[in-house]
PDB file of N, CA and C in Angstrom:
ATOM      1  N   MET A   1      60.680 117.494-181.378  1.00  0.00           N
ATOM      2  CA  MET A   1      60.116 118.737-181.894  1.00  0.00           C
ATOM      3  C   MET A   1      59.384 119.448-180.761  1.00  0.00           C
ATOM      4  N   PRO A   2      59.753 120.672-180.455  1.00  0.00           N
ATOM      5  CA  PRO A   2      59.101 121.389-179.364  1.00  0.00           C
ATOM      6  C   PRO A   2      57.660 121.776-179.710  1.00  0.00           C
ATOM      7  N   SER A   3      56.856 121.884-178.681  1.00  0.00           N
ATOM      8  CA  SER A   3      55.458 122.265-178.854  1.00  0.00           C
ATOM      9  C   SER A   3      55.365 123.735-179.227  1.00  0.00           C
ATOM     10  N   LYS A   4      54.392 124.057-180.089  1.00  0.00           N
ATOM     11  CA  LYS A   4      54.187 125.458-180.456  1.00  0.00           C
ATOM     12  C   LYS A   4      53.326 126.187-179.426  1.00  0.00           C
ATOM     13  N   TYR A   5      52.764 125.436-178.465  1.00  0.00           N
ATOM     14  CA  TYR A   5      51.931 126.045-177.432  1.00  0.00           C
ATOM     15  C   TYR A   5      52.796 126.430-176.234  1.00  0.00           C
ATOM     16  N   PRO A   6      52.840 127.722-175.892  1.00  0.00           N
ATOM     17  CA  PRO A   6      53.645 128.145-174.738  1.00  0.00           C
ATOM     18  C   PRO A   6      52.910 127.886-173.425  1.00  0.00           C
ATOM     19  N   ILE A   7      53.655 127.856-172.339  1.00  0.00           N
ATOM     20  CA  ILE A   7      53.059 127.792-171.008  1.00  0.00           C
ATOM     21  C   ILE A   7      52.878 129.234-170.548  1.00  0.00           C
ATOM     22  N   LEU A   8      51.640 129.616-170.258  1.00  0.00           N
ATOM     23  CA  LEU A   8      51.325 131.001-169.912  1.00  0.00           C
ATOM     24  C   LEU A   8      50.639 131.085-168.560  1.00  0.00           C
ATOM     25  N   LYS A   9      50.632 132.295-168.012  1.00  0.00           N
ATOM     26  CA  LYS A   9      49.871 132.570-166.793  1.00  0.00           C
ATOM     27  C   LYS A   9      48.429 132.888-167.202  1.00  0.00           C
ATOM     28  N   PRO A  10      47.475 132.626-166.323  1.00  0.00           N
ATOM     29  CA  PRO A  10      46.077 132.943-166.649  1.00  0.00           C
ATOM     30  C   PRO A  10      45.884 134.413-167.011  1.00  0.00           C
ATOM     31  N   SER A  11      46.590 135.326-166.347  1.00  0.00           N
ATOM     32  CA  SER A  11      46.422 136.756-166.631  1.00  0.00           C
ATOM     33  C   SER A  11      46.813 137.096-168.062  1.00  0.00           C
ATOM     34  N   GLU A  12      47.814 136.399-168.608  1.00  0.00           N
ATOM     35  CA  GLU A  12      48.222 136.636-169.997  1.00  0.00           C
ATOM     36  C   GLU A  12      47.136 136.174-170.968  1.00  0.00           C
ATOM     37  N   ILE A  13      46.514 135.056-170.669  1.00  0.00           N
ATOM     38  CA  ILE A  13      45.444 134.544-171.524  1.00  0.00           C
ATOM     39  C   ILE A  13      44.216 135.448-171.432  1.00  0.00           C
ATOM     40  N   VAL A  14      43.910 135.925-170.226  1.00  0.00           N
ATOM     41  CA  VAL A  14      42.767 136.821-170.038  1.00  0.00           C
ATOM     42  C   VAL A  14      42.961 138.104-170.852  1.00  0.00           C
ATOM     43  N   GLN A  15      44.138 138.706-170.804  1.00  0.00           N
ATOM     44  CA  GLN A  15      44.408 139.919-171.581  1.00  0.00           C
ATOM     45  C   GLN A  15      44.224 139.666-173.073  1.00  0.00           C
ATOM     46  N   PHE A  16      44.713 138.530-173.536  1.00  0.00           N
ATOM     47  CA  PHE A  16      44.573 138.167-174.942  1.00  0.00           C
ATOM     48  C   PHE A  16      43.102 138.017-175.322  1.00  0.00           C
ATOM     49  N   LEU A  17      42.337 137.276-174.525  1.00  0.00           N
ATOM     50  CA  LEU A  17      40.923 137.063-174.835  1.00  0.00           C
ATOM     51  C   LEU A  17      40.129 138.366-174.787  1.00  0.00           C
ATOM     52  N   GLU A  18      40.442 139.233-173.828  1.00  0.00           N
ATOM     53  CA  GLU A  18      39.740 140.514-173.740  1.00  0.00           C
ATOM     54  C   GLU A  18      40.004 141.361-174.981  1.00  0.00           C
ATOM     55  N   LYS A  19      41.207 141.270-175.531  1.00  0.00           N
ATOM     56  CA  LYS A  19      41.526 141.998-176.768  1.00  0.00           C
ATOM     57  C   LYS A  19      40.644 141.518-177.918  1.00  0.00           C
ATOM     58  N   TYR A  20      40.254 140.252-177.882  1.00  0.00           N
ATOM     59  CA  TYR A  20      39.430 139.675-178.937  1.00  0.00           C
ATOM     60  C   TYR A  20      37.945 139.620-178.567  1.00  0.00           C
ATOM     61  N   GLY A  21      37.517 140.492-177.650  1.00  0.00           N
ATOM     62  CA  GLY A  21      36.101 140.691-177.382  1.00  0.00           C
ATOM     63  C   GLY A  21      35.479 139.846-176.298  1.00  0.00           C
ATOM     64  N   PHE A  22      36.249 139.050-175.589  1.00  0.00           N
ATOM     65  CA  PHE A  22      35.685 138.240-174.510  1.00  0.00           C
ATOM     66  C   PHE A  22      35.583 139.070-173.242  1.00  0.00           C
ATOM     67  N   LYS A  23      34.482 138.911-172.533  1.00  0.00           N
ATOM     68  CA  LYS A  23      34.226 139.622-171.278  1.00  0.00           C
ATOM     69  C   LYS A  23      34.087 138.601-170.145  1.00  0.00           C
ATOM     70  N   PHE A  24      34.614 138.972-168.978  1.00  0.00           N
ATOM     71  CA  PHE A  24      34.490 138.133-167.792  1.00  0.00           C
ATOM     72  C   PHE A  24      33.028 138.063-167.387  1.00  0.00           C
ATOM     73  N   ILE A  25      32.526 136.859-167.147  1.00  0.00           N
ATOM     74  CA  ILE A  25      31.134 136.651-166.740  1.00  0.00           C
ATOM     75  C   ILE A  25      31.052 136.327-165.262  1.00  0.00           C
ATOM     76  N   LYS A  26      31.745 135.256-164.849  1.00  0.00           N
ATOM     77  CA  LYS A  26      31.704 134.864-163.440  1.00  0.00           C
ATOM     78  C   LYS A  26      32.848 133.901-163.156  1.00  0.00           C
ATOM     79  N   GLN A  27      33.031 133.644-161.870  1.00  0.00           N
ATOM     80  CA  GLN A  27      34.045 132.690-161.437  1.00  0.00           C
ATOM     81  C   GLN A  27      33.419 131.745-160.435  1.00  0.00           C
ATOM     82  N   LYS A  28      33.711 130.465-160.611  1.00  0.00           N
ATOM     83  CA  LYS A  28      33.246 129.456-159.660  1.00  0.00           C
ATOM     84  C   LYS A  28      34.470 128.661-159.252  1.00  0.00           C
ATOM     85  N   GLY A  29      34.868 128.787-158.004  1.00  0.00           N
ATOM     86  CA  GLY A  29      36.109 128.153-157.555  1.00  0.00           C
ATOM     87  C   GLY A  29      37.284 128.796-158.256  1.00  0.00           C
ATOM     88  N   SER A  30      38.098 127.986-158.897  1.00  0.00           N
ATOM     89  CA  SER A  30      39.269 128.534-159.583  1.00  0.00           C
ATOM     90  C   SER A  30      39.055 128.636-161.089  1.00  0.00           C
ATOM     91  N   HIS A  31      37.816 128.534-161.549  1.00  0.00           N
ATOM     92  CA  HIS A  31      37.552 128.589-162.985  1.00  0.00           C
ATOM     93  C   HIS A  31      36.793 129.860-163.346  1.00  0.00           C
ATOM     94  N   MET A  32      37.362 130.602-164.294  1.00  0.00           N
ATOM     95  CA  MET A  32      36.769 131.861-164.752  1.00  0.00           C
ATOM     96  C   MET A  32      36.052 131.625-166.078  1.00  0.00           C
ATOM     97  N   LYS A  33      34.885 132.224-166.213  1.00  0.00           N
ATOM     98  CA  LYS A  33      34.088 132.075-167.429  1.00  0.00           C
ATOM     99  C   LYS A  33      34.088 133.394-168.198  1.00  0.00           C
ATOM    100  N   PHE A  34      34.389 133.304-169.500  1.00  0.00           N
ATOM    101  CA  PHE A  34      34.389 134.459-170.386  1.00  0.00           C
ATOM    102  C   PHE A  34      33.446 134.182-171.548  1.00  0.00           C
ATOM    103  N   PHE A  35      32.842 135.263-172.086  1.00  0.00           N
ATOM    104  CA  PHE A  35      31.857 135.126-173.157  1.00  0.00           C
ATOM    105  C   PHE A  35      32.021 136.293-174.120  1.00  0.00           C
ATOM    106  N   ASN A  36      31.883 136.029-175.418  1.00  0.00           N
ATOM    107  CA  ASN A  36      32.012 137.104-176.410  1.00  0.00           C
ATOM    108  C   ASN A  36      30.731 137.332-177.206  1.00  0.00           C
ATOM    109  N   GLY A  37      29.624 136.772-176.754  1.00  0.00           N
ATOM    110  CA  GLY A  37      28.371 136.911-177.474  1.00  0.00           C
ATOM    111  C   GLY A  37      28.025 135.659-178.267  1.00  0.00           C
ATOM    112  N   TYR A  38      29.035 134.850-178.567  1.00  0.00           N
ATOM    113  CA  TYR A  38      28.845 133.627-179.334  1.00  0.00           C
ATOM    114  C   TYR A  38      29.483 132.416-178.668  1.00  0.00           C
ATOM    115  N   LYS A  39      30.669 132.606-178.124  1.00  0.00           N
ATOM    116  CA  LYS A  39      31.456 131.511-177.557  1.00  0.00           C
ATOM    117  C   LYS A  39      31.692 131.726-176.070  1.00  0.00           C
ATOM    118  N   THR A  40      31.705 130.638-175.317  1.00  0.00           N
ATOM    119  CA  THR A  40      32.044 130.653-173.897  1.00  0.00           C
ATOM    120  C   THR A  40      33.372 129.938-173.718  1.00  0.00           C
ATOM    121  N   VAL A  41      34.245 130.540-172.904  1.00  0.00           N
ATOM    122  CA  VAL A  41      35.566 129.978-172.647  1.00  0.00           C
ATOM    123  C   VAL A  41      35.767 129.893-171.136  1.00  0.00           C
ATOM    124  N   ILE A  42      36.249 128.757-170.675  1.00  0.00           N
ATOM    125  CA  ILE A  42      36.551 128.551-169.264  1.00  0.00           C
ATOM    126  C   ILE A  42      38.069 128.541-169.096  1.00  0.00           C
ATOM    127  N   ILE A  43      38.581 129.355-168.166  1.00  0.00           N
ATOM    128  CA  ILE A  43      40.015 129.430-167.906  1.00  0.00           C
ATOM    129  C   ILE A  43      40.264 129.080-166.444  1.00  0.00           C
ATOM    130  N   PRO A  44      41.100 128.074-166.185  1.00  0.00           N
ATOM    131  CA  PRO A  44      41.452 127.779-164.794  1.00  0.00           C
ATOM    132  C   PRO A  44      42.396 128.844-164.255  1.00  0.00           C
ATOM    133  N   ASN A  45      42.144 129.305-163.057  1.00  0.00           N
ATOM    134  CA  ASN A  45      42.967 130.348-162.449  1.00  0.00           C
ATOM    135  C   ASN A  45      44.024 129.686-161.567  1.00  0.00           C
ATOM    136  N   HIS A  46      44.991 129.030-162.215  1.00  0.00           N
ATOM    137  CA  HIS A  46      46.080 128.356-161.534  1.00  0.00           C
ATOM    138  C   HIS A  46      47.368 129.143-161.778  1.00  0.00           C
ATOM    139  N   ASN A  47      48.501 128.654-161.264  1.00  0.00           N
ATOM    140  CA  ASN A  47      49.771 129.355-161.463  1.00  0.00           C
ATOM    141  C   ASN A  47      50.142 129.446-162.930  1.00  0.00           C
ATOM    142  N   GLU A  48      50.016 128.340-163.638  1.00  0.00           N
ATOM    143  CA  GLU A  48      50.333 128.267-165.059  1.00  0.00           C
ATOM    144  C   GLU A  48      49.236 127.488-165.763  1.00  0.00           C
ATOM    145  N   ILE A  49      49.083 127.769-167.048  1.00  0.00           N
ATOM    146  CA  ILE A  49      48.143 127.024-167.865  1.00  0.00           C
ATOM    147  C   ILE A  49      48.959 126.042-168.714  1.00  0.00           C
ATOM    148  N   ALA A  50      48.680 124.768-168.572  1.00  0.00           N
ATOM    149  CA  ALA A  50      49.402 123.735-169.313  1.00  0.00           C
ATOM    150  C   ALA A  50      49.138 123.861-170.812  1.00  0.00           C
ATOM    151  N   LYS A  51      50.043 123.303-171.594  1.00  0.00           N
ATOM    152  CA  LYS A  51      49.949 123.404-173.056  1.00  0.00           C
ATOM    153  C   LYS A  51      48.652 122.806-173.590  1.00  0.00           C
ATOM    154  N   GLY A  52      48.269 121.653-173.086  1.00  0.00           N
ATOM    155  CA  GLY A  52      47.030 121.019-173.539  1.00  0.00           C
ATOM    156  C   GLY A  52      45.801 121.823-173.160  1.00  0.00           C
ATOM    157  N   THR A  53      45.837 122.440-171.991  1.00  0.00           N
ATOM    158  CA  THR A  53      44.728 123.291-171.546  1.00  0.00           C
ATOM    159  C   THR A  53      44.639 124.537-172.416  1.00  0.00           C
ATOM    160  N   LEU A  54      45.788 125.114-172.756  1.00  0.00           N
ATOM    161  CA  LEU A  54      45.801 126.282-173.645  1.00  0.00           C
ATOM    162  C   LEU A  54      45.218 125.921-175.001  1.00  0.00           C
ATOM    163  N   LYS A  55      45.571 124.757-175.509  1.00  0.00           N
ATOM    164  CA  LYS A  55      45.023 124.311-176.794  1.00  0.00           C
ATOM    165  C   LYS A  55      43.501 124.209-176.712  1.00  0.00           C
ATOM    166  N   SER A  56      42.993 123.674-175.613  1.00  0.00           N
ATOM    167  CA  SER A  56      41.554 123.552-175.408  1.00  0.00           C
ATOM    168  C   SER A  56      40.881 124.924-175.321  1.00  0.00           C
ATOM    169  N   ILE A  57      41.520 125.869-174.621  1.00  0.00           N
ATOM    170  CA  ILE A  57      40.980 127.230-174.494  1.00  0.00           C
ATOM    171  C   ILE A  57      40.873 127.880-175.871  1.00  0.00           C
ATOM    172  N   LEU A  58      41.923 127.750-176.672  1.00  0.00           N
ATOM    173  CA  LEU A  58      41.902 128.341-178.011  1.00  0.00           C
ATOM    174  C   LEU A  58      40.846 127.681-178.890  1.00  0.00           C
ATOM    175  N   ASN A  59      40.654 126.373-178.738  1.00  0.00           N
ATOM    176  CA  ASN A  59      39.594 125.688-179.488  1.00  0.00           C
ATOM    177  C   ASN A  59      38.220 126.195-179.069  1.00  0.00           C
ATOM    178  N   GLN A  60      38.011 126.371-177.765  1.00  0.00           N
ATOM    179  CA  GLN A  60      36.734 126.888-177.275  1.00  0.00           C
ATOM    180  C   GLN A  60      36.463 128.288-177.831  1.00  0.00           C
ATOM    181  N   ALA A  61      37.527 129.099-177.906  1.00  0.00           N
ATOM    182  CA  ALA A  61      37.386 130.480-178.367  1.00  0.00           C
ATOM    183  C   ALA A  61      37.383 130.582-179.886  1.00  0.00           C
ATOM    184  N   ASP A  62      37.692 129.481-180.579  1.00  0.00           N
ATOM    185  CA  ASP A  62      37.796 129.454-182.033  1.00  0.00           C
ATOM    186  C   ASP A  62      38.851 130.455-182.527  1.00  0.00           C
ATOM    187  N   ILE A  63      40.015 130.426-181.861  1.00  0.00           N
ATOM    188  CA  ILE A  63      41.141 131.295-182.208  1.00  0.00           C
ATOM    189  C   ILE A  63      42.339 130.405-182.525  1.00  0.00           C
ATOM    190  N   ASP A  64      43.027 130.724-183.597  1.00  0.00           N
ATOM    191  CA  ASP A  64      44.178 129.941-184.042  1.00  0.00           C
ATOM    192  C   ASP A  64      45.407 130.248-183.195  1.00  0.00           C
ATOM    193  N   ILE A  65      46.285 129.265-183.030  1.00  0.00           N
ATOM    194  CA  ILE A  65      47.512 129.435-182.250  1.00  0.00           C
ATOM    195  C   ILE A  65      48.391 130.533-182.834  1.00  0.00           C
ATOM    196  N   SER A  66      48.395 130.688-184.157  1.00  0.00           N
ATOM    197  CA  SER A  66      49.231 131.725-184.777  1.00  0.00           C
ATOM    198  C   SER A  66      48.787 133.117-184.350  1.00  0.00           C
ATOM    199  N   THR A  67      47.506 133.310-184.111  1.00  0.00           N
ATOM    200  CA  THR A  67      46.997 134.602-183.625  1.00  0.00           C
ATOM    201  C   THR A  67      47.530 134.889-182.236  1.00  0.00           C
ATOM    202  N   LEU A  68      47.539 133.886-181.369  1.00  0.00           N
ATOM    203  CA  LEU A  68      48.080 134.046-180.019  1.00  0.00           C
ATOM    204  C   LEU A  68      49.571 134.330-180.068  1.00  0.00           C
ATOM    205  N   LEU A  69      50.319 133.591-180.881  1.00  0.00           N
ATOM    206  CA  LEU A  69      51.763 133.791-180.962  1.00  0.00           C
ATOM    207  C   LEU A  69      52.103 135.180-181.506  1.00  0.00           C
ATOM    208  N   ASP A  70      51.336 135.661-182.492  1.00  0.00           N
ATOM    209  CA  ASP A  70      51.542 137.029-182.990  1.00  0.00           C
ATOM    210  C   ASP A  70      51.308 138.054-181.884  1.00  0.00           C
ATOM    211  N   TYR A  71      50.243 137.840-181.101  1.00  0.00           N
ATOM    212  CA  TYR A  71      49.926 138.743-179.995  1.00  0.00           C
ATOM    213  C   TYR A  71      51.062 138.761-178.965  1.00  0.00           C
ATOM    214  N   LEU A  72      51.602 137.605-178.648  1.00  0.00           N
ATOM    215  CA  LEU A  72      52.652 137.511-177.640  1.00  0.00           C
ATOM    216  C   LEU A  72      53.956 138.144-178.099  1.00  0.00           C
ATOM    217  N   HIS A  73      54.216 138.125-179.393  1.00  0.00           N
ATOM    218  CA  HIS A  73      55.483 138.633-179.927  1.00  0.00           C
ATOM    219  C   HIS A  73      55.421 140.097-180.316  1.00  0.00           C
ATOM    220  N   ASN A  74      54.299 140.748-180.100  1.00  0.00           N
ATOM    221  CA  ASN A  74      54.183 142.198-180.398  1.00  0.00           C
ATOM    222  C   ASN A  74      54.152 143.018-179.149  1.00  0.00           C
TER     223      ASN A  74
END
């Protein structure tokens, strides 16, 4: 059974999070910090974001995978 989590570039995840109110705060090394007033999300600035890392990012942001998939398909 294939994973429902896609492999994405950091820029795609950043655009998605910004749409949902997250703002860039700072970067330390290759890790970018975003904040929406309630939640903090750390995104590694690598070539690709692994499926498990994406799952962790969505958990940190308290956003469901179906919301991300809808965003990607529109």
